[in-house]
Amino acid sequence: MKVTLSGKQVDISEKLRKHVEEAVNVSVEKYFSAPISCSVAFSKEGEDFSAEILVHPAKNIVLRGTGVAGDPYSAFDNANEHIATRLRRHKTKLSAHKSKVGLAELAYSAVLPLVEQNDEVDVNENAPLTIAETDANIPVCTVSEAVMFMDLSNECALMFRNSANNHISMVYRRKDGNIGWVEPKAEK
């Protein structure tokens, strides 16, 4: 993980840099195996030092922790405890959503039968194959939770049951990088 340090009216010594990098790596890698980046900013406010940590542990997740103390090491340690708590809570929240098996439906895969060639049916040899997927859980969640699940599982689309109206919906990543949401049309 890339750790960036900056100081406003604070000199960053090599000893402080080493302390920060080791402590942040221990805190973040405890909960996320492949964190992206982290930035730590020190500043002096009167007699006190403040430290701000911004951690980017996974795609679309940024957490912030702050700490204030009489010296930069203590300020950083306070901020690191704050960020460790935020990381633990976030990871617990993700695990709790994944373990709601009773609220999820099991979708079974379907194998489409091959159509026998005869004079009546045109079969395009260049058509893409239909591949049966394995069984999948369809989570019951909100749209924002579905986007979070999709990003965390590194998928391009996710089908879910919308907890707001109990309809099957889908979110997907568009070619322009935005998120699309498909909701069935209400019957009249």
Protein backbone atom coordinates (compact mmCIF):
# COMPACT_ATOMS: atom_id res chain seq x y z
CA MET A 1 0.00 0.00 0.00
CA LYS A 2 1.26 3.44 -0.87
CA VAL A 3 1.49 5.73 2.19
CA THR A 4 1.89 9.47 1.57
CA LEU A 5 2.95 11.79 4.42
CA SER A 6 2.70 15.56 4.49
CA GLY A 7 3.30 18.17 7.15
CA LYS A 8 2.07 21.72 7.59
CA GLN A 9 4.50 23.48 9.95
CA VAL A 10 5.72 20.02 11.00
CA ASP A 11 8.97 18.34 9.95
CA ILE A 12 8.46 14.68 9.07
CA SER A 13 11.49 12.81 10.39
CA GLU A 14 12.53 9.40 9.08
CA LYS A 15 11.66 7.87 12.47
CA LEU A 16 8.11 9.35 12.31
CA ARG A 17 7.72 8.19 8.68
CA LYS A 18 8.70 4.62 9.62
CA HIS A 19 6.35 4.63 12.66
CA VAL A 20 3.44 5.87 10.52
CA GLU A 21 3.98 3.40 7.66
CA GLU A 22 4.26 0.39 9.97
CA ALA A 23 1.24 1.33 12.12
CA VAL A 24 -1.03 2.15 9.17
CA ASN A 25 -0.13 -1.06 7.35
CA VAL A 26 -0.90 -3.14 10.45
CA SER A 27 -4.25 -1.38 11.02
CA VAL A 28 -5.49 -1.50 7.42
CA GLU A 29 -4.23 -4.93 6.38
CA LYS A 30 -5.92 -6.46 9.44
CA TYR A 31 -9.29 -5.83 7.75
CA PHE A 32 -8.52 -5.41 4.01
CA SER A 33 -5.98 -7.65 2.31
CA ALA A 34 -5.11 -5.41 -0.65
CA PRO A 35 -5.54 -1.74 0.36
CA ILE A 36 -5.04 0.88 -2.33
CA SER A 37 -3.54 3.94 -0.65
CA CYS A 38 -3.28 6.04 2.48
CA SER A 39 -2.36 9.65 3.14
CA VAL A 40 -1.38 11.09 6.51
CA ALA A 41 -1.28 14.85 7.08
CA PHE A 42 0.26 16.46 10.16
CA SER A 43 -0.30 20.07 11.20
CA LYS A 44 0.46 22.23 14.21
CA GLU A 45 -2.40 24.13 15.81
CA GLY A 46 -1.09 26.34 18.62
CA GLU A 47 0.56 24.01 21.14
CA ASP A 48 -1.10 20.86 19.79
CA PHE A 49 -0.37 18.68 16.80
CA SER A 50 -3.13 17.17 14.70
CA ALA A 51 -2.99 14.16 12.41
CA GLU A 52 -5.49 13.26 9.71
CA ILE A 53 -5.49 9.86 8.02
CA LEU A 54 -7.35 9.17 4.76
CA VAL A 55 -7.41 5.47 3.89
CA HIS A 56 -8.57 4.03 0.58
CA PRO A 57 -8.86 0.32 1.54
CA ALA A 58 -10.95 -0.83 -1.45
CA LYS A 59 -12.62 0.51 -4.56
CA ASN A 60 -15.07 3.35 -3.78
CA ILE A 61 -14.33 3.26 -0.03
CA VAL A 62 -12.52 6.16 1.65
CA LEU A 63 -12.32 6.41 5.44
CA ARG A 64 -11.04 9.34 7.51
CA GLY A 65 -9.61 9.41 11.02
CA THR A 66 -8.29 12.35 13.05
CA GLY A 67 -6.35 12.81 16.24
CA VAL A 68 -5.00 15.71 18.33
CA ALA A 69 -2.27 15.58 20.98
CA GLY A 70 0.76 17.40 22.37
CA ASP A 71 3.23 15.62 20.06
CA PRO A 72 2.95 14.24 16.50
CA TYR A 73 3.40 10.59 17.57
CA SER A 74 0.49 10.71 20.01
CA ALA A 75 -1.67 12.64 17.53
CA PHE A 76 -0.98 9.99 14.90
CA ASP A 77 -1.67 7.14 17.35
CA ASN A 78 -5.05 8.72 18.25
CA ALA A 79 -5.92 9.08 14.55
CA ASN A 80 -4.78 5.52 13.86
CA GLU A 81 -7.03 4.17 16.63
CA HIS A 82 -9.90 6.16 15.12
CA ILE A 83 -9.24 4.75 11.63
CA ALA A 84 -8.86 1.19 12.99
CA THR A 85 -12.29 1.51 14.63
CA ARG A 86 -13.82 2.80 11.38
CA LEU A 87 -12.21 -0.03 9.39
CA ARG A 88 -13.48 -2.66 11.86
CA ARG A 89 -17.02 -1.24 11.78
CA HIS A 90 -17.04 -1.05 7.99
CA LYS A 91 -15.77 -4.62 7.62
CA THR A 92 -18.33 -5.84 10.19
CA LYS A 93 -21.11 -4.09 8.29
CA LEU A 94 -20.01 -5.76 5.05
CA SER A 95 -19.84 -9.18 6.73
CA ALA A 96 -23.26 -8.72 8.34
CA HIS A 97 -24.85 -7.94 4.97
CA LYS A 98 -23.25 -10.99 3.37
CA SER A 99 -24.45 -13.31 6.12
CA LYS A 100 -28.16 -12.50 5.77
CA VAL A 101 -28.83 -15.87 4.14
CA GLY A 102 -32.42 -16.02 5.38
CA LEU A 103 -33.29 -12.83 3.53
CA ALA A 104 -31.75 -13.91 0.24
CA GLU A 105 -33.30 -16.02 -2.45
CA LEU A 106 -31.42 -18.76 -4.21
CA ALA A 107 -31.48 -18.39 -7.97
CA TYR A 108 -30.84 -21.60 -9.85
CA SER A 109 -28.95 -21.71 -13.10
CA ALA A 110 -30.64 -22.82 -16.23
CA VAL A 111 -29.10 -24.65 -19.14
CA LEU A 112 -30.79 -23.77 -22.37
CA PRO A 113 -31.38 -26.84 -24.56
CA LEU A 114 -29.76 -26.92 -27.96
CA VAL A 115 -32.12 -26.46 -30.85
CA GLU A 116 -31.83 -29.23 -33.40
CA GLN A 117 -31.06 -27.96 -36.85
CA ASN A 118 -33.83 -28.39 -39.32
CA ASP A 119 -35.18 -26.45 -42.25
CA GLU A 120 -37.46 -24.25 -40.12
CA VAL A 121 -34.87 -22.76 -37.73
CA ASP A 122 -31.94 -20.54 -38.74
CA VAL A 123 -28.96 -21.07 -36.44
CA ASN A 124 -26.29 -18.39 -36.52
CA GLU A 125 -22.92 -20.08 -36.09
CA ASN A 126 -21.33 -16.76 -35.00
CA ALA A 127 -23.85 -16.16 -32.22
CA PRO A 128 -22.38 -16.05 -28.70
CA LEU A 129 -22.80 -19.14 -26.56
CA THR A 130 -25.25 -19.21 -23.66
CA ILE A 131 -23.34 -20.41 -20.62
CA ALA A 132 -25.06 -21.63 -17.47
CA GLU A 133 -23.77 -19.96 -14.31
CA THR A 134 -23.59 -21.54 -10.88
CA ASP A 135 -26.26 -21.01 -8.25
CA ALA A 136 -26.26 -17.46 -6.88
CA ASN A 137 -27.73 -15.75 -3.85
CA ILE A 138 -29.93 -12.78 -4.63
CA PRO A 139 -29.50 -10.38 -1.70
CA VAL A 140 -32.30 -8.30 -0.24
CA CYS A 141 -30.86 -4.79 0.06
CA THR A 142 -31.18 -1.15 -0.89
CA VAL A 143 -29.83 0.22 -4.17
CA SER A 144 -26.80 1.82 -2.48
CA GLU A 145 -25.98 -1.46 -0.69
CA ALA A 146 -26.28 -3.30 -4.02
CA VAL A 147 -23.77 -0.89 -5.60
CA MET A 148 -21.44 -1.47 -2.64
CA PHE A 149 -21.76 -5.29 -3.01
CA MET A 150 -21.13 -5.01 -6.75
CA ASP A 151 -17.97 -2.94 -6.20
CA LEU A 152 -16.67 -5.17 -3.41
CA SER A 153 -17.19 -8.33 -5.45
CA ASN A 154 -15.60 -6.62 -8.48
CA GLU A 155 -18.51 -7.58 -10.74
CA CYS A 156 -19.93 -5.56 -13.62
CA ALA A 157 -23.58 -6.23 -12.64
CA LEU A 158 -25.60 -7.41 -9.65
CA MET A 159 -29.20 -8.62 -9.38
CA PHE A 160 -30.92 -8.00 -6.04
CA ARG A 161 -34.34 -7.77 -4.40
CA ASN A 162 -34.99 -4.11 -3.57
CA SER A 163 -35.90 -3.86 0.11
CA ALA A 164 -37.92 -0.69 -0.58
CA ASN A 165 -40.52 -2.34 -2.84
CA ASN A 166 -39.62 -6.08 -2.88
CA HIS A 167 -39.04 -6.09 -6.67
CA ILE A 168 -36.14 -7.83 -8.39
CA SER A 169 -33.78 -5.11 -9.64
CA MET A 170 -30.32 -4.87 -11.14
CA VAL A 171 -27.41 -2.43 -10.94
CA TYR A 172 -24.60 -2.43 -13.49
CA ARG A 173 -21.52 -0.43 -14.42
CA ARG A 174 -22.05 1.53 -17.61
CA LYS A 175 -19.38 2.02 -20.29
CA ASP A 176 -19.03 5.68 -19.22
CA GLY A 177 -18.11 4.56 -15.67
CA ASN A 178 -21.43 5.52 -14.06
CA ILE A 179 -23.80 3.09 -12.37
CA GLY A 180 -27.03 2.05 -14.11
CA TRP A 181 -30.10 0.79 -12.24
CA VAL A 182 -32.83 -1.36 -13.80
CA GLU A 183 -36.16 -1.49 -11.96
CA PRO A 184 -39.20 -3.38 -13.36
CA LYS A 185 -42.08 -1.27 -14.54
CA ALA A 186 -45.09 -1.29 -12.19
CA GLU A 187 -48.15 -3.04 -13.57
CA LYS A 188 -51.29 -0.95 -14.01
